[in-house]
Each structure stands twice: as structure tokens, then as C-alpha cells.
């Protein structure tokens, strides 16, 4: 599981933004504004072993219930996955559609 290195996370004027660079900037003309939770999830992708680990980290950080954390992680990362902004997520490769297993 990894983030696409052509997307850079930046904080600009108090907003957290994903900025496409290189060939990604030709596919996405603009920037993606992230909520605090979305930015946290993004920052976990390169160090977590799987989606369940990100769910656990999100629960610890924000003290949310497992179902909410699970929906947030799967929903957000699936949208990035289908756009090639995150890659190599076995749960989505094995289960197209991003449904929880």
C-alpha cells in the first residue's frame, strides 16, 4: 500500500491540500482539499500494513467507533485508489468496489 509519489501533501493558508505534480497534473487539473481526518488517513498509507491498521490508528487518534472509522478509511481510500492517487491496496484489488470484508 502506498501513495502515488506524484501527489504532494501541503498545508496552504490553513488548508491541507493534495497537489498533483508531473504526469498526474495532466490528469487532474487542480488540487484536492482534505479534511483533517482525510489528511490523517493519507499520512498513514505509506506506513500501515493494511487498511485495518489505518482503521485502528484513526480510532486511536480521533476516538471514533470502529464502524465509523472503517467506513471513513475504506470510502476515502477507495475513491483515491480508483483515481490512482493511492496504489497497491490488496483489499481493493481482491474485492473490487471497495466493500468492507
PDB file of N, CA and C in Angstrom:
ATOM      1  N   UNK A   1       0.852  -1.156   0.000  1.00  0.00           N
ATOM      2  CA  UNK A   1       0.000   0.000   0.000  1.00  0.00           C
ATOM      3  C   UNK A   1       0.906   1.229   0.000  1.00  0.00           C
ATOM      4  N   UNK A   2       0.612   2.150  -0.921  1.00  0.00           N
ATOM      5  CA  UNK A   2       1.453   3.344  -0.969  1.00  0.00           C
ATOM      6  C   UNK A   2       0.708   4.487  -1.651  1.00  0.00           C
ATOM      7  N   UNK A   3       1.164   5.699  -1.347  1.00  0.00           N
ATOM      8  CA  UNK A   3       0.626   6.875  -2.021  1.00  0.00           C
ATOM      9  C   UNK A   3       1.353   7.049  -3.349  1.00  0.00           C
ATOM     10  N   UNK A   4       0.675   7.639  -4.303  1.00  0.00           N
ATOM     11  CA  UNK A   4       1.285   7.964  -5.586  1.00  0.00           C
ATOM     12  C   UNK A   4       2.240   9.129  -5.347  1.00  0.00           C
ATOM     13  N   UNK A   5       3.509   8.944  -5.647  1.00  0.00           N
ATOM     14  CA  UNK A   5       4.524   9.967  -5.360  1.00  0.00           C
ATOM     15  C   UNK A   5       4.343  11.240  -6.176  1.00  0.00           C
ATOM     16  N   UNK A   6       3.443  11.219  -7.146  1.00  0.00           N
ATOM     17  CA  UNK A   6       3.183  12.430  -7.935  1.00  0.00           C
ATOM     18  C   UNK A   6       2.172  13.357  -7.264  1.00  0.00           C
ATOM     19  N   UNK A   7       1.721  12.994  -6.067  1.00  0.00           N
ATOM     20  CA  UNK A   7       0.820  13.850  -5.290  1.00  0.00           C
ATOM     21  C   UNK A   7       1.531  14.282  -4.027  1.00  0.00           C
ATOM     22  N   UNK A   8       1.549  15.579  -3.785  1.00  0.00           N
ATOM     23  CA  UNK A   8       2.238  16.128  -2.628  1.00  0.00           C
ATOM     24  C   UNK A   8       1.215  16.707  -1.657  1.00  0.00           C
ATOM     25  N   UNK A   9       1.376  16.403  -0.384  1.00  0.00           N
ATOM     26  CA  UNK A   9       0.513  16.940   0.661  1.00  0.00           C
ATOM     27  C   UNK A   9       1.142  18.234   1.158  1.00  0.00           C
ATOM     28  N   UNK A  10       0.368  19.306   1.128  1.00  0.00           N
ATOM     29  CA  UNK A  10       0.870  20.601   1.579  1.00  0.00           C
ATOM     30  C   UNK A  10      -0.188  21.292   2.417  1.00  0.00           C
ATOM     31  N   UNK A  11       0.262  22.107   3.346  1.00  0.00           N
ATOM     32  CA  UNK A  11      -0.628  22.960   4.117  1.00  0.00           C
ATOM     33  C   UNK A  11      -0.477  24.377   3.574  1.00  0.00           C
ATOM     34  N   UNK A  12      -1.568  24.933   3.077  1.00  0.00           N
ATOM     35  CA  UNK A  12      -1.544  26.266   2.475  1.00  0.00           C
ATOM     36  C   UNK A  12      -2.667  27.083   3.092  1.00  0.00           C
ATOM     37  N   UNK A  13      -2.312  28.180   3.708  1.00  0.00           N
ATOM     38  CA  UNK A  13      -3.286  29.090   4.323  1.00  0.00           C
ATOM     39  C   UNK A  13      -4.272  28.337   5.223  1.00  0.00           C
ATOM     40  N   UNK A  14      -3.751  27.416   6.022  1.00  0.00           N
ATOM     41  CA  UNK A  14      -4.579  26.675   6.956  1.00  0.00           C
ATOM     42  C   UNK A  14      -5.358  25.517   6.350  1.00  0.00           C
ATOM     43  N   UNK A  15      -5.233  25.318   5.062  1.00  0.00           N
ATOM     44  CA  UNK A  15      -5.921  24.210   4.382  1.00  0.00           C
ATOM     45  C   UNK A  15      -4.904  23.117   4.052  1.00  0.00           C
ATOM     46  N   UNK A  16      -5.318  21.867   4.156  1.00  0.00           N
ATOM     47  CA  UNK A  16      -4.458  20.757   3.761  1.00  0.00           C
ATOM     48  C   UNK A  16      -4.872  20.344   2.358  1.00  0.00           C
ATOM     49  N   UNK A  17      -3.897  20.325   1.458  1.00  0.00           N
ATOM     50  CA  UNK A  17      -4.170  20.141   0.039  1.00  0.00           C
ATOM     51  C   UNK A  17      -3.274  19.056  -0.548  1.00  0.00           C
ATOM     52  N   UNK A  18      -3.841  18.235  -1.430  1.00  0.00           N
ATOM     53  CA  UNK A  18      -3.065  17.315  -2.249  1.00  0.00           C
ATOM     54  C   UNK A  18      -2.854  17.982  -3.597  1.00  0.00           C
ATOM     55  N   UNK A  19      -1.611  18.104  -3.990  1.00  0.00           N
ATOM     56  CA  UNK A  19      -1.270  18.780  -5.237  1.00  0.00           C
ATOM     57  C   UNK A  19      -0.672  17.776  -6.208  1.00  0.00           C
ATOM     58  N   UNK A  20      -1.282  17.630  -7.392  1.00  0.00           N
ATOM     59  CA  UNK A  20      -0.708  16.723  -8.387  1.00  0.00           C
ATOM     60  C   UNK A  20       0.511  17.358  -9.047  1.00  0.00           C
ATOM     61  N   UNK A  21       1.534  16.555  -9.295  1.00  0.00           N
ATOM     62  CA  UNK A  21       2.726  17.026  -9.990  1.00  0.00           C
ATOM     63  C   UNK A  21       3.008  16.068 -11.145  1.00  0.00           C
ATOM     64  N   UNK A  22       3.945  16.412 -11.986  1.00  0.00           N
ATOM     65  CA  UNK A  22       4.336  15.535 -13.084  1.00  0.00           C
ATOM     66  C   UNK A  22       3.156  15.164 -13.958  1.00  0.00           C
ATOM     67  N   UNK A  23       3.113  13.910 -14.385  1.00  0.00           N
ATOM     68  CA  UNK A  23       2.035  13.467 -15.280  1.00  0.00           C
ATOM     69  C   UNK A  23       0.675  13.489 -14.581  1.00  0.00           C
ATOM     70  N   UNK A  24       0.652  13.401 -13.259  1.00  0.00           N
ATOM     71  CA  UNK A  24      -0.619  13.462 -12.532  1.00  0.00           C
ATOM     72  C   UNK A  24      -1.297  14.812 -12.724  1.00  0.00           C
ATOM     73  N   UNK A  25      -0.510  15.866 -12.899  1.00  0.00           N
ATOM     74  CA  UNK A  25      -1.099  17.195 -13.086  1.00  0.00           C
ATOM     75  C   UNK A  25      -1.811  17.314 -14.430  1.00  0.00           C
ATOM     76  N   UNK A  26      -1.490  16.435 -15.362  1.00  0.00           N
ATOM     77  CA  UNK A  26      -2.196  16.430 -16.642  1.00  0.00           C
ATOM     78  C   UNK A  26      -3.531  15.697 -16.527  1.00  0.00           C
ATOM     79  N   UNK A  27      -3.633  14.777 -15.574  1.00  0.00           N
ATOM     80  CA  UNK A  27      -4.875  14.033 -15.360  1.00  0.00           C
ATOM     81  C   UNK A  27      -5.844  14.799 -14.463  1.00  0.00           C
ATOM     82  N   UNK A  28      -5.296  15.503 -13.485  1.00  0.00           N
ATOM     83  CA  UNK A  28      -6.114  16.250 -12.536  1.00  0.00           C
ATOM     84  C   UNK A  28      -5.683  17.708 -12.578  1.00  0.00           C
ATOM     85  N   UNK A  29      -6.531  18.523 -13.133  1.00  0.00           N
ATOM     86  CA  UNK A  29      -6.237  19.951 -13.252  1.00  0.00           C
ATOM     87  C   UNK A  29      -6.817  20.648 -12.029  1.00  0.00           C
ATOM     88  N   UNK A  30      -6.017  20.808 -11.004  1.00  0.00           N
ATOM     89  CA  UNK A  30      -6.481  21.435  -9.778  1.00  0.00           C
ATOM     90  C   UNK A  30      -5.820  20.795  -8.576  1.00  0.00           C
ATOM     91  N   UNK A  31      -6.459  20.987  -7.427  1.00  0.00           N
ATOM     92  CA  UNK A  31      -5.940  20.449  -6.179  1.00  0.00           C
ATOM     93  C   UNK A  31      -7.088  19.777  -5.445  1.00  0.00           C
ATOM     94  N   UNK A  32      -6.740  18.941  -4.488  1.00  0.00           N
ATOM     95  CA  UNK A  32      -7.744  18.261  -3.678  1.00  0.00           C
ATOM     96  C   UNK A  32      -7.610  18.772  -2.244  1.00  0.00           C
ATOM     97  N   UNK A  33      -8.662  19.403  -1.755  1.00  0.00           N
ATOM     98  CA  UNK A  33      -8.655  19.892  -0.374  1.00  0.00           C
ATOM     99  C   UNK A  33      -9.095  18.755   0.540  1.00  0.00           C
ATOM    100  N   UNK A  34      -8.322  18.503   1.593  1.00  0.00           N
ATOM    101  CA  UNK A  34      -8.593  17.401   2.509  1.00  0.00           C
ATOM    102  C   UNK A  34      -9.084  17.918   3.852  1.00  0.00           C
ATOM    103  N   UNK A  35      -9.997  17.173   4.441  1.00  0.00           N
ATOM    104  CA  UNK A  35     -10.371  17.453   5.822  1.00  0.00           C
ATOM    105  C   UNK A  35      -9.222  16.993   6.716  1.00  0.00           C
ATOM    106  N   UNK A  36      -9.317  17.324   7.980  1.00  0.00           N
ATOM    107  CA  UNK A  36      -8.288  16.887   8.934  1.00  0.00           C
ATOM    108  C   UNK A  36      -8.210  15.359   8.984  1.00  0.00           C
ATOM    109  N   UNK A  37      -9.363  14.709   8.982  1.00  0.00           N
ATOM    110  CA  UNK A  37      -9.399  13.244   9.021  1.00  0.00           C
ATOM    111  C   UNK A  37      -8.826  12.642   7.749  1.00  0.00           C
ATOM    112  N   UNK A  38      -9.185  13.188   6.603  1.00  0.00           N
ATOM    113  CA  UNK A  38      -8.673  12.685   5.325  1.00  0.00           C
ATOM    114  C   UNK A  38      -7.155  12.835   5.269  1.00  0.00           C
ATOM    115  N   UNK A  39      -6.639  13.966   5.730  1.00  0.00           N
ATOM    116  CA  UNK A  39      -5.186  14.167   5.742  1.00  0.00           C
ATOM    117  C   UNK A  39      -4.508  13.141   6.655  1.00  0.00           C
ATOM    118  N   UNK A  40      -5.122  12.859   7.796  1.00  0.00           N
ATOM    119  CA  UNK A  40      -4.564  11.856   8.706  1.00  0.00           C
ATOM    120  C   UNK A  40      -4.511  10.496   8.005  1.00  0.00           C
ATOM    121  N   UNK A  41      -5.603  10.112   7.360  1.00  0.00           N
ATOM    122  CA  UNK A  41      -5.646   8.822   6.661  1.00  0.00           C
ATOM    123  C   UNK A  41      -4.561   8.770   5.593  1.00  0.00           C
ATOM    124  N   UNK A  42      -4.444   9.829   4.795  1.00  0.00           N
ATOM    125  CA  UNK A  42      -3.419   9.896   3.744  1.00  0.00           C
ATOM    126  C   UNK A  42      -2.028   9.663   4.335  1.00  0.00           C
ATOM    127  N   UNK A  43      -1.752  10.270   5.462  1.00  0.00           N
ATOM    128  CA  UNK A  43      -0.428  10.174   6.069  1.00  0.00           C
ATOM    129  C   UNK A  43      -0.132   8.779   6.610  1.00  0.00           C
ATOM    130  N   UNK A  44      -1.139   7.943   6.774  1.00  0.00           N
ATOM    131  CA  UNK A  44      -0.931   6.591   7.290  1.00  0.00           C
ATOM    132  C   UNK A  44      -0.625   5.573   6.193  1.00  0.00           C
ATOM    133  N   UNK A  45      -0.987   5.887   4.959  1.00  0.00           N
ATOM    134  CA  UNK A  45      -0.934   4.899   3.873  1.00  0.00           C
ATOM    135  C   UNK A  45       0.449   4.279   3.694  1.00  0.00           C
ATOM    136  N   UNK A  46       1.486   5.067   3.674  1.00  0.00           N
ATOM    137  CA  UNK A  46       2.819   4.537   3.370  1.00  0.00           C
ATOM    138  C   UNK A  46       3.436   3.734   4.515  1.00  0.00           C
ATOM    139  N   UNK A  47       2.891   3.835   5.717  1.00  0.00           N
ATOM    140  CA  UNK A  47       3.484   3.123   6.846  1.00  0.00           C
ATOM    141  C   UNK A  47       2.615   1.994   7.395  1.00  0.00           C
ATOM    142  N   UNK A  48       1.358   1.951   7.010  1.00  0.00           N
ATOM    143  CA  UNK A  48       0.459   0.905   7.508  1.00  0.00           C
ATOM    144  C   UNK A  48       0.595  -0.362   6.665  1.00  0.00           C
ATOM    145  N   UNK A  49       0.380  -1.498   7.302  1.00  0.00           N
ATOM    146  CA  UNK A  49       0.480  -2.767   6.575  1.00  0.00           C
ATOM    147  C   UNK A  49      -0.804  -3.092   5.824  1.00  0.00           C
ATOM    148  N   UNK A  50      -1.942  -2.572   6.318  1.00  0.00           N
ATOM    149  CA  UNK A  50      -3.213  -2.831   5.650  1.00  0.00           C
ATOM    150  C   UNK A  50      -4.250  -1.803   6.116  1.00  0.00           C
ATOM    151  N   UNK A  51      -5.445  -1.894   5.550  1.00  0.00           N
ATOM    152  CA  UNK A  51      -6.494  -0.939   5.889  1.00  0.00           C
ATOM    153  C   UNK A  51      -6.927  -1.059   7.349  1.00  0.00           C
ATOM    154  N   UNK A  52      -6.915  -2.275   7.888  1.00  0.00           N
ATOM    155  CA  UNK A  52      -7.307  -2.476   9.285  1.00  0.00           C
ATOM    156  C   UNK A  52      -6.395  -1.696  10.233  1.00  0.00           C
ATOM    157  N   UNK A  53      -5.126  -1.619   9.897  1.00  0.00           N
ATOM    158  CA  UNK A  53      -4.194  -0.851  10.734  1.00  0.00           C
ATOM    159  C   UNK A  53      -4.515   0.639  10.690  1.00  0.00           C
ATOM    160  N   UNK A  54      -4.885   1.135   9.522  1.00  0.00           N
ATOM    161  CA  UNK A  54      -5.268   2.555   9.414  1.00  0.00           C
ATOM    162  C   UNK A  54      -6.546   2.799  10.211  1.00  0.00           C
ATOM    163  N   UNK A  55      -7.488   1.872  10.152  1.00  0.00           N
ATOM    164  CA  UNK A  55      -8.720   1.992  10.937  1.00  0.00           C
ATOM    165  C   UNK A  55      -8.384   2.084  12.424  1.00  0.00           C
ATOM    166  N   UNK A  56      -7.506   1.227  12.901  1.00  0.00           N
ATOM    167  CA  UNK A  56      -7.102   1.255  14.311  1.00  0.00           C
ATOM    168  C   UNK A  56      -6.446   2.581  14.679  1.00  0.00           C
ATOM    169  N   UNK A  57      -5.558   3.058  13.827  1.00  0.00           N
ATOM    170  CA  UNK A  57      -4.880   4.333  14.094  1.00  0.00           C
ATOM    171  C   UNK A  57      -5.886   5.481  14.133  1.00  0.00           C
ATOM    172  N   UNK A  58      -6.860   5.446  13.225  1.00  0.00           N
ATOM    173  CA  UNK A  58      -7.877   6.500  13.186  1.00  0.00           C
ATOM    174  C   UNK A  58      -8.714   6.470  14.462  1.00  0.00           C
ATOM    175  N   UNK A  59      -9.063   5.285  14.924  1.00  0.00           N
ATOM    176  CA  UNK A  59      -9.816   5.148  16.171  1.00  0.00           C
ATOM    177  C   UNK A  59      -9.043   5.723  17.354  1.00  0.00           C
ATOM    178  N   UNK A  60      -7.745   5.437  17.394  1.00  0.00           N
ATOM    179  CA  UNK A  60      -6.917   5.939  18.490  1.00  0.00           C
ATOM    180  C   UNK A  60      -6.789   7.457  18.440  1.00  0.00           C
ATOM    181  N   UNK A  61      -6.589   7.990  17.253  1.00  0.00           N
ATOM    182  CA  UNK A  61      -6.361   9.431  17.099  1.00  0.00           C
ATOM    183  C   UNK A  61      -7.621  10.252  17.367  1.00  0.00           C
ATOM    184  N   UNK A  62      -8.754   9.783  16.894  1.00  0.00           N
ATOM    185  CA  UNK A  62      -9.981  10.582  16.952  1.00  0.00           C
ATOM    186  C   UNK A  62     -11.051  10.019  17.876  1.00  0.00           C
ATOM    187  N   UNK A  63     -10.774   8.900  18.527  1.00  0.00           N
ATOM    188  CA  UNK A  63     -11.716   8.293  19.461  1.00  0.00           C
ATOM    189  C   UNK A  63     -13.097   8.111  18.834  1.00  0.00           C
ATOM    190  N   UNK A  64     -13.125   7.513  17.642  1.00  0.00           N
ATOM    191  CA  UNK A  64     -14.377   7.200  16.955  1.00  0.00           C
ATOM    192  C   UNK A  64     -14.615   5.697  17.041  1.00  0.00           C
ATOM    193  N   UNK A  65     -15.863   5.295  16.843  1.00  0.00           N
ATOM    194  CA  UNK A  65     -16.167   3.868  16.886  1.00  0.00           C
ATOM    195  C   UNK A  65     -15.608   3.175  15.649  1.00  0.00           C
ATOM    196  N   UNK A  66     -15.463   1.874  15.749  1.00  0.00           N
ATOM    197  CA  UNK A  66     -14.837   1.086  14.680  1.00  0.00           C
ATOM    198  C   UNK A  66     -15.602   1.198  13.356  1.00  0.00           C
ATOM    199  N   UNK A  67     -16.919   1.153  13.404  1.00  0.00           N
ATOM    200  CA  UNK A  67     -17.715   1.210  12.179  1.00  0.00           C
ATOM    201  C   UNK A  67     -17.504   2.533  11.436  1.00  0.00           C
ATOM    202  N   UNK A  68     -17.512   3.635  12.158  1.00  0.00           N
ATOM    203  CA  UNK A  68     -17.290   4.945  11.536  1.00  0.00           C
ATOM    204  C   UNK A  68     -15.887   5.027  10.949  1.00  0.00           C
ATOM    205  N   UNK A  69     -14.895   4.596  11.718  1.00  0.00           N
ATOM    206  CA  UNK A  69     -13.510   4.621  11.230  1.00  0.00           C
ATOM    207  C   UNK A  69     -13.364   3.737   9.995  1.00  0.00           C
ATOM    208  N   UNK A  70     -13.973   2.575  10.028  1.00  0.00           N
ATOM    209  CA  UNK A  70     -13.899   1.639   8.906  1.00  0.00           C
ATOM    210  C   UNK A  70     -14.515   2.258   7.648  1.00  0.00           C
ATOM    211  N   UNK A  71     -15.686   2.857   7.792  1.00  0.00           N
ATOM    212  CA  UNK A  71     -16.345   3.492   6.647  1.00  0.00           C
ATOM    213  C   UNK A  71     -15.514   4.650   6.105  1.00  0.00           C
ATOM    214  N   UNK A  72     -14.959   5.468   6.994  1.00  0.00           N
ATOM    215  CA  UNK A  72     -14.154   6.614   6.559  1.00  0.00           C
ATOM    216  C   UNK A  72     -12.907   6.163   5.788  1.00  0.00           C
ATOM    217  N   UNK A  73     -12.195   5.202   6.340  1.00  0.00           N
ATOM    218  CA  UNK A  73     -10.957   4.730   5.706  1.00  0.00           C
ATOM    219  C   UNK A  73     -11.250   4.065   4.373  1.00  0.00           C
ATOM    220  N   UNK A  74     -12.178   3.128   4.357  1.00  0.00           N
ATOM    221  CA  UNK A  74     -12.483   2.419   3.112  1.00  0.00           C
ATOM    222  C   UNK A  74     -13.056   3.356   2.055  1.00  0.00           C
ATOM    223  N   UNK A  75     -13.990   4.207   2.442  1.00  0.00           N
ATOM    224  CA  UNK A  75     -14.620   5.112   1.485  1.00  0.00           C
ATOM    225  C   UNK A  75     -13.630   6.089   0.875  1.00  0.00           C
ATOM    226  N   UNK A  76     -12.850   6.749   1.716  1.00  0.00           N
ATOM    227  CA  UNK A  76     -11.887   7.743   1.234  1.00  0.00           C
ATOM    228  C   UNK A  76     -10.802   7.099   0.381  1.00  0.00           C
ATOM    229  N   UNK A  77     -10.192   6.036   0.898  1.00  0.00           N
ATOM    230  CA  UNK A  77      -9.090   5.430   0.148  1.00  0.00           C
ATOM    231  C   UNK A  77      -9.563   4.749  -1.128  1.00  0.00           C
ATOM    232  N   UNK A  78     -10.769   4.232  -1.162  1.00  0.00           N
ATOM    233  CA  UNK A  78     -11.260   3.641  -2.407  1.00  0.00           C
ATOM    234  C   UNK A  78     -11.404   4.709  -3.487  1.00  0.00           C
ATOM    235  N   UNK A  79     -11.898   5.877  -3.116  1.00  0.00           N
ATOM    236  CA  UNK A  79     -12.021   6.964  -4.100  1.00  0.00           C
ATOM    237  C   UNK A  79     -10.645   7.380  -4.636  1.00  0.00           C
ATOM    238  N   UNK A  80      -9.643   7.395  -3.778  1.00  0.00           N
ATOM    239  CA  UNK A  80      -8.281   7.708  -4.237  1.00  0.00           C
ATOM    240  C   UNK A  80      -7.710   6.571  -5.068  1.00  0.00           C
ATOM    241  N   UNK A  81      -8.000   5.338  -4.677  1.00  0.00           N
ATOM    242  CA  UNK A  81      -7.483   4.155  -5.372  1.00  0.00           C
ATOM    243  C   UNK A  81      -7.979   4.100  -6.821  1.00  0.00           C
ATOM    244  N   UNK A  82      -9.251   4.324  -7.028  1.00  0.00           N
ATOM    245  CA  UNK A  82      -9.780   4.232  -8.396  1.00  0.00           C
ATOM    246  C   UNK A  82      -9.267   5.364  -9.278  1.00  0.00           C
ATOM    247  N   UNK A  83      -8.709   6.395  -8.669  1.00  0.00           N
ATOM    248  CA  UNK A  83      -8.127   7.520  -9.416  1.00  0.00           C
ATOM    249  C   UNK A  83      -6.597   7.439  -9.472  1.00  0.00           C
ATOM    250  N   UNK A  84      -6.032   6.332  -8.987  1.00  0.00           N
ATOM    251  CA  UNK A  84      -4.590   6.090  -8.975  1.00  0.00           C
ATOM    252  C   UNK A  84      -3.817   7.103  -8.125  1.00  0.00           C
ATOM    253  N   UNK A  85      -4.457   7.599  -7.071  1.00  0.00           N
ATOM    254  CA  UNK A  85      -3.789   8.528  -6.164  1.00  0.00           C
ATOM    255  C   UNK A  85      -3.143   7.743  -5.022  1.00  0.00           C
ATOM    256  N   UNK A  86      -3.704   6.586  -4.701  1.00  0.00           N
ATOM    257  CA  UNK A  86      -3.054   5.598  -3.838  1.00  0.00           C
ATOM    258  C   UNK A  86      -3.013   4.296  -4.627  1.00  0.00           C
ATOM    259  N   UNK A  87      -2.044   3.460  -4.305  1.00  0.00           N
ATOM    260  CA  UNK A  87      -1.815   2.242  -5.083  1.00  0.00           C
ATOM    261  C   UNK A  87      -1.567   1.049  -4.183  1.00  0.00           C
ATOM    262  N   UNK A  88      -1.659  -0.117  -4.811  1.00  0.00           N
ATOM    263  CA  UNK A  88      -1.280  -1.372  -4.157  1.00  0.00           C
ATOM    264  C   UNK A  88      -2.022  -1.613  -2.841  1.00  0.00           C
ATOM    265  N   UNK A  89      -3.338  -1.517  -2.896  1.00  0.00           N
ATOM    266  CA  UNK A  89      -4.147  -1.818  -1.718  1.00  0.00           C
ATOM    267  C   UNK A  89      -4.801  -3.174  -1.968  1.00  0.00           C
ATOM    268  N   UNK A  90      -4.234  -4.222  -1.384  1.00  0.00           N
ATOM    269  CA  UNK A  90      -4.722  -5.588  -1.665  1.00  0.00           C
ATOM    270  C   UNK A  90      -6.216  -5.761  -1.424  1.00  0.00           C
ATOM    271  N   UNK A  91      -6.755  -5.119  -0.393  1.00  0.00           N
ATOM    272  CA  UNK A  91      -8.181  -5.263  -0.105  1.00  0.00           C
ATOM    273  C   UNK A  91      -9.045  -4.821  -1.281  1.00  0.00           C
ATOM    274  N   UNK A  92      -8.597  -3.801  -2.023  1.00  0.00           N
ATOM    275  CA  UNK A  92      -9.379  -3.320  -3.165  1.00  0.00           C
ATOM    276  C   UNK A  92      -9.083  -4.147  -4.415  1.00  0.00           C
ATOM    277  N   UNK A  93      -7.873  -4.652  -4.521  1.00  0.00           N
ATOM    278  CA  UNK A  93      -7.527  -5.487  -5.676  1.00  0.00           C
ATOM    279  C   UNK A  93      -8.255  -6.827  -5.594  1.00  0.00           C
ATOM    280  N   UNK A  94      -8.422  -7.344  -4.385  1.00  0.00           N
ATOM    281  CA  UNK A  94      -9.108  -8.613  -4.182  1.00  0.00           C
ATOM    282  C   UNK A  94     -10.616  -8.461  -4.207  1.00  0.00           C
ATOM    283  N   UNK A  95     -11.090  -7.250  -3.868  1.00  0.00           N
ATOM    284  CA  UNK A  95     -12.517  -7.020  -3.707  1.00  0.00           C
ATOM    285  C   UNK A  95     -12.908  -5.727  -4.407  1.00  0.00           C
ATOM    286  N   UNK A  96     -12.999  -5.728  -5.742  1.00  0.00           N
ATOM    287  CA  UNK A  96     -13.358  -4.511  -6.451  1.00  0.00           C
ATOM    288  C   UNK A  96     -14.657  -3.932  -5.924  1.00  0.00           C
ATOM    289  N   UNK A  97     -14.713  -2.623  -5.855  1.00  0.00           N
ATOM    290  CA  UNK A  97     -15.882  -1.946  -5.337  1.00  0.00           C
ATOM    291  C   UNK A  97     -15.655  -1.389  -3.951  1.00  0.00           C
ATOM    292  N   UNK A  98     -14.555  -1.789  -3.322  1.00  0.00           N
ATOM    293  CA  UNK A  98     -14.180  -1.214  -2.045  1.00  0.00           C
ATOM    294  C   UNK A  98     -15.035  -1.631  -0.870  1.00  0.00           C
ATOM    295  N   UNK A  99     -15.870  -2.659  -1.046  1.00  0.00           N
ATOM    296  CA  UNK A  99     -16.725  -3.087   0.048  1.00  0.00           C
ATOM    297  C   UNK A  99     -15.884  -3.675   1.171  1.00  0.00           C
ATOM    298  N   UNK A 100     -16.325  -3.428   2.379  1.00  0.00           N
ATOM    299  CA  UNK A 100     -15.625  -3.965   3.539  1.00  0.00           C
ATOM    300  C   UNK A 100     -15.689  -5.472   3.536  1.00  0.00           C
ATOM    301  N   UNK A 101     -14.619  -6.086   4.001  1.00  0.00           N
ATOM    302  CA  UNK A 101     -14.569  -7.551   4.040  1.00  0.00           C
ATOM    303  C   UNK A 101     -14.895  -8.058   5.414  1.00  0.00           C
TER     304      UNK A 101
END
